[in-house]
Amino acid sequence: MTASKWDLLDQAYGALRSVVAAMPADALGAPTPCDQWNVGQVLQHAAGDQLAYAGRLTGGPGPAEDPFAPTGTLAGSPAELLEPALAAGAEAFAGVLPGTAEVAVPLPPFTLPAETAVAAAALDAAVHAWDLAVATGQASPLTPALAAALSPAARLLAEPLRCAVRVRPGARSRARSGRRSGRCAARLPGPPRRLDAARRMTSG
C-alpha cells in the first residue's frame, strides 16, 4: 500500500479502500446516491478521478476511459480496479511539497495551492466512499473529523466546478476537462450535501 505522506489523503483513500473491500460480490448493479449511476459506475468514476489527478501531477496518461462516462462493467474485481488508481494517486501526491503555490489538478481552476489540491483529491475519494457505503448497506466510512476536515474544500470547489460549463470550447486541455466536469454539474454542490449527511451519520 503506497502512502502519499499527506494524512488527509491517506485517510480518504483508506475509507474508499475499506468500503470497496467490504462490498458484496453482487453489488455492482445496485443504485447509488449519484443519480443514474450504479455501484460499478461510481467505482469506475472514483478510480478514474484519482488517475486523472495522478496524470496531471506527473504528466502521465491519466485514466484510459472517461471517468464521467463509466460503463459499470469491470474487467476484474473491484479491488483490482481501485488499487492501481490509489497507488498512482498516492505516489503522485507524495512528490507535492507542502506550501507549493500552484499544483496541477484535472478540474477547474486547474491549479490549486498544495493543501487545497490534496483536499480536492481526498474529497473526491471520500465522497465516493460514502456513496458506495450507502449503496451497499455499510456504515459511513467517514469519521466526523474527516468529514469536517473535507468540508472547506467541498464548499470552496463547488463554484469553480459549476462554472466549468462556461469554459471556452477552444481551450484544448482545459476545455476537455471543463466539458467533463460539466456533465455532472447538475449534481453540485453534491459533495457538501453528502459530507453533511455523512457527518450526521457518524455523529450518532
Protein backbone atom coordinates (compact mmCIF):
# COMPACT_ATOMS: atom_id res chain seq x y z
CA MET A 1 0.00 0.00 0.00
CA THR A 2 1.55 3.29 -1.13
CA ALA A 3 1.29 6.25 1.25
CA SER A 4 1.05 9.79 -0.06
CA LYS A 5 2.65 11.38 3.02
CA TRP A 6 -0.48 13.56 3.27
CA ASP A 7 -2.60 12.33 6.19
CA LEU A 8 -5.89 13.72 4.84
CA LEU A 9 -5.49 11.96 1.50
CA ASP A 10 -4.34 8.71 3.09
CA GLN A 11 -7.37 8.72 5.38
CA ALA A 12 -9.74 9.30 2.46
CA TYR A 13 -8.06 6.56 0.44
CA GLY A 14 -8.36 4.26 3.43
CA ALA A 15 -12.08 4.99 3.67
CA LEU A 16 -12.63 4.21 -0.01
CA ARG A 17 -10.46 1.10 0.15
CA SER A 18 -12.31 -0.27 3.19
CA VAL A 19 -15.74 0.20 1.64
CA VAL A 20 -14.74 -1.45 -1.63
CA ALA A 21 -13.20 -4.39 0.24
CA ALA A 22 -16.49 -4.98 2.07
CA MET A 23 -18.81 -4.67 -0.93
CA PRO A 24 -20.88 -7.78 -1.69
CA ALA A 25 -19.93 -9.54 -4.90
CA ASP A 26 -23.35 -8.92 -6.43
CA ALA A 27 -23.49 -5.18 -5.61
CA LEU A 28 -22.16 -3.68 -8.85
CA GLY A 29 -25.59 -3.10 -10.30
CA ALA A 30 -27.08 -1.53 -7.18
CA PRO A 31 -28.25 2.12 -7.32
CA THR A 32 -26.25 4.83 -5.54
CA PRO A 33 -26.76 8.40 -4.30
CA CYS A 34 -25.14 9.50 -7.60
CA ASP A 35 -28.11 9.96 -9.93
CA GLN A 36 -28.26 7.44 -12.77
CA TRP A 37 -25.03 5.67 -11.74
CA ASN A 38 -24.83 2.24 -10.18
CA VAL A 39 -22.12 0.92 -7.86
CA GLY A 40 -19.90 -0.26 -10.69
CA GLN A 41 -20.08 3.12 -12.41
CA VAL A 42 -19.31 5.07 -9.23
CA LEU A 43 -16.36 2.79 -8.57
CA GLN A 44 -15.02 3.33 -12.10
CA HIS A 45 -15.51 7.08 -11.72
CA ALA A 46 -13.76 7.18 -8.35
CA ALA A 47 -10.77 5.22 -9.65
CA GLY A 48 -10.61 7.28 -12.83
CA ASP A 49 -10.65 10.54 -10.91
CA GLN A 50 -7.58 9.54 -8.90
CA LEU A 51 -5.79 8.52 -12.09
CA ALA A 52 -6.68 11.93 -13.51
CA TYR A 53 -5.09 13.67 -10.50
CA ALA A 54 -2.01 11.49 -10.88
CA GLY A 55 -1.80 12.21 -14.59
CA ARG A 56 -1.99 15.96 -14.08
CA LEU A 57 0.69 15.86 -11.40
CA THR A 58 3.15 13.64 -13.23
CA GLY A 59 2.39 14.29 -16.88
CA GLY A 60 1.34 10.67 -17.24
CA PRO A 61 -1.54 9.38 -19.34
CA GLY A 62 -4.28 9.55 -16.71
CA PRO A 63 -7.33 7.29 -16.93
CA ALA A 64 -7.76 5.12 -20.00
CA GLU A 65 -11.52 5.78 -20.03
CA ASP A 66 -13.57 8.89 -19.36
CA PRO A 67 -14.41 8.92 -15.62
CA PHE A 68 -17.59 10.84 -16.43
CA ALA A 69 -18.89 8.16 -18.80
CA PRO A 70 -18.39 4.93 -16.82
CA THR A 71 -19.88 1.73 -18.19
CA GLY A 72 -20.23 -0.12 -14.91
CA THR A 73 -18.63 -3.21 -16.45
CA LEU A 74 -15.41 -4.23 -14.70
CA ALA A 75 -12.68 -6.30 -16.32
CA GLY A 76 -11.58 -7.68 -12.94
CA SER A 77 -12.51 -7.36 -9.28
CA PRO A 78 -13.32 -4.01 -7.65
CA ALA A 79 -10.02 -4.10 -5.77
CA GLU A 80 -8.10 -4.79 -8.97
CA LEU A 81 -9.63 -1.66 -10.46
CA LEU A 82 -9.19 0.55 -7.42
CA GLU A 83 -5.76 -0.30 -6.03
CA PRO A 84 -3.65 0.81 -9.01
CA ALA A 85 -5.53 4.12 -9.07
CA LEU A 86 -4.95 4.77 -5.38
CA ALA A 87 -1.31 3.76 -5.67
CA ALA A 88 -0.82 6.14 -8.60
CA GLY A 89 -2.53 8.98 -6.75
CA ALA A 90 -0.55 8.41 -3.56
CA GLU A 91 2.75 8.23 -5.41
CA ALA A 92 1.98 11.40 -7.36
CA PHE A 93 0.94 13.41 -4.30
CA ALA A 94 3.96 12.16 -2.36
CA GLY A 95 6.01 14.40 -4.62
CA VAL A 96 3.98 17.51 -3.78
CA LEU A 97 5.65 19.66 -1.16
CA PRO A 98 3.59 21.47 1.49
CA GLY A 99 3.24 25.15 0.73
CA THR A 100 3.60 24.78 -3.04
CA ALA A 101 1.66 27.68 -4.53
CA GLU A 102 0.45 26.03 -7.73
CA VAL A 103 -0.28 22.31 -8.09
CA ALA A 104 -1.89 20.98 -11.27
CA VAL A 105 -5.35 19.42 -10.86
CA PRO A 106 -7.65 17.94 -13.53
CA LEU A 107 -10.69 20.14 -12.88
CA PRO A 108 -11.31 23.90 -12.62
CA PRO A 109 -9.49 26.02 -11.61
CA PHE A 110 -6.74 23.60 -12.88
CA THR A 111 -4.12 24.78 -10.38
CA LEU A 112 -4.51 24.99 -6.62
CA PRO A 113 -2.26 25.50 -3.59
CA ALA A 114 -0.81 22.20 -2.43
CA GLU A 115 -3.03 21.76 0.61
CA THR A 116 -6.19 22.53 -1.37
CA ALA A 117 -5.19 20.20 -4.20
CA VAL A 118 -4.66 17.38 -1.73
CA ALA A 119 -8.02 18.15 -0.10
CA ALA A 120 -9.73 18.10 -3.51
CA ALA A 121 -8.42 14.61 -4.28
CA ALA A 122 -9.27 13.45 -0.77
CA LEU A 123 -12.76 14.91 -1.05
CA ASP A 124 -13.36 13.02 -4.27
CA ALA A 125 -12.29 9.71 -2.73
CA ALA A 126 -14.19 10.27 0.50
CA VAL A 127 -17.47 11.33 -1.09
CA HIS A 128 -17.50 8.29 -3.33
CA ALA A 129 -16.56 6.07 -0.41
CA TRP A 130 -19.71 7.35 1.28
CA ASP A 131 -21.76 6.85 -1.90
CA LEU A 132 -20.63 3.24 -2.16
CA ALA A 133 -21.19 2.60 1.55
CA VAL A 134 -24.76 3.87 1.36
CA ALA A 135 -25.41 1.86 -1.81
CA THR A 136 -24.14 -1.39 -0.29
CA GLY A 137 -25.65 -1.07 3.17
CA GLN A 138 -22.45 -0.26 5.01
CA ALA A 139 -21.89 2.25 7.79
CA SER A 140 -20.33 5.54 6.78
CA PRO A 141 -16.55 5.16 6.50
CA LEU A 142 -16.04 8.84 7.28
CA THR A 143 -15.26 9.86 10.81
CA PRO A 144 -16.68 13.18 11.98
CA ALA A 145 -13.14 14.59 11.99
CA LEU A 146 -12.51 13.54 8.40
CA ALA A 147 -15.83 14.91 7.18
CA ALA A 148 -15.16 18.20 8.96
CA ALA A 149 -11.64 18.42 7.52
CA LEU A 150 -13.00 17.96 3.99
CA SER A 151 -15.91 20.39 4.24
CA PRO A 152 -13.89 23.57 3.47
CA ALA A 153 -12.62 22.06 0.22
CA ALA A 154 -16.14 20.94 -0.72
CA ARG A 155 -17.51 24.43 -0.35
CA LEU A 156 -14.51 26.13 -1.93
CA LEU A 157 -14.53 23.95 -5.04
CA ALA A 158 -18.27 23.71 -5.72
CA GLU A 159 -18.49 27.04 -7.54
CA PRO A 160 -15.44 26.55 -9.83
CA LEU A 161 -16.86 23.18 -10.85
CA ARG A 162 -20.25 24.69 -11.63
CA CYS A 163 -18.50 27.28 -13.77
CA ALA A 164 -16.78 24.57 -15.79
CA VAL A 165 -19.65 24.57 -18.26
CA ARG A 166 -18.56 28.07 -19.28
CA VAL A 167 -15.01 27.04 -20.27
CA ARG A 168 -14.33 28.11 -23.88
CA PRO A 169 -14.57 25.17 -26.35
CA GLY A 170 -11.25 26.11 -27.97
CA ALA A 171 -9.24 25.94 -24.79
CA ARG A 172 -7.81 22.49 -25.61
CA SER A 173 -6.96 20.52 -22.47
CA ARG A 174 -8.86 22.91 -20.21
CA ALA A 175 -11.93 22.72 -22.39
CA ARG A 176 -11.80 18.93 -22.29
CA SER A 177 -11.67 18.94 -18.50
CA GLY A 178 -14.38 21.58 -18.37
CA ARG A 179 -16.73 19.56 -20.53
CA ARG A 180 -16.13 16.52 -18.35
CA SER A 181 -16.91 18.31 -15.13
CA GLY A 182 -19.87 19.99 -16.77
CA ARG A 183 -21.54 16.62 -17.25
CA CYS A 184 -22.06 16.27 -13.52
CA ALA A 185 -22.56 19.97 -12.79
CA ALA A 186 -26.22 19.34 -12.04
CA ARG A 187 -25.17 17.27 -9.01
CA LEU A 188 -23.18 20.10 -7.45
CA PRO A 189 -22.94 21.01 -4.68
CA GLY A 190 -23.39 17.31 -4.07
CA PRO A 191 -20.14 16.79 -2.15
CA PRO A 192 -21.08 19.33 0.56
CA ARG A 193 -24.54 17.79 0.89
CA ARG A 194 -23.19 14.26 1.09
CA LEU A 195 -20.49 15.25 3.58
CA ASP A 196 -23.15 16.87 5.72
CA ALA A 197 -25.15 13.63 5.58
CA ALA A 198 -22.06 11.62 6.44
CA ARG A 199 -21.37 13.86 9.42
CA ARG A 200 -24.92 13.30 10.71
CA MET A 201 -24.49 9.54 10.29
CA THR A 202 -21.21 9.44 12.18
CA SER A 203 -22.28 11.78 14.97
CA GLY A 204 -24.83 9.34 16.26
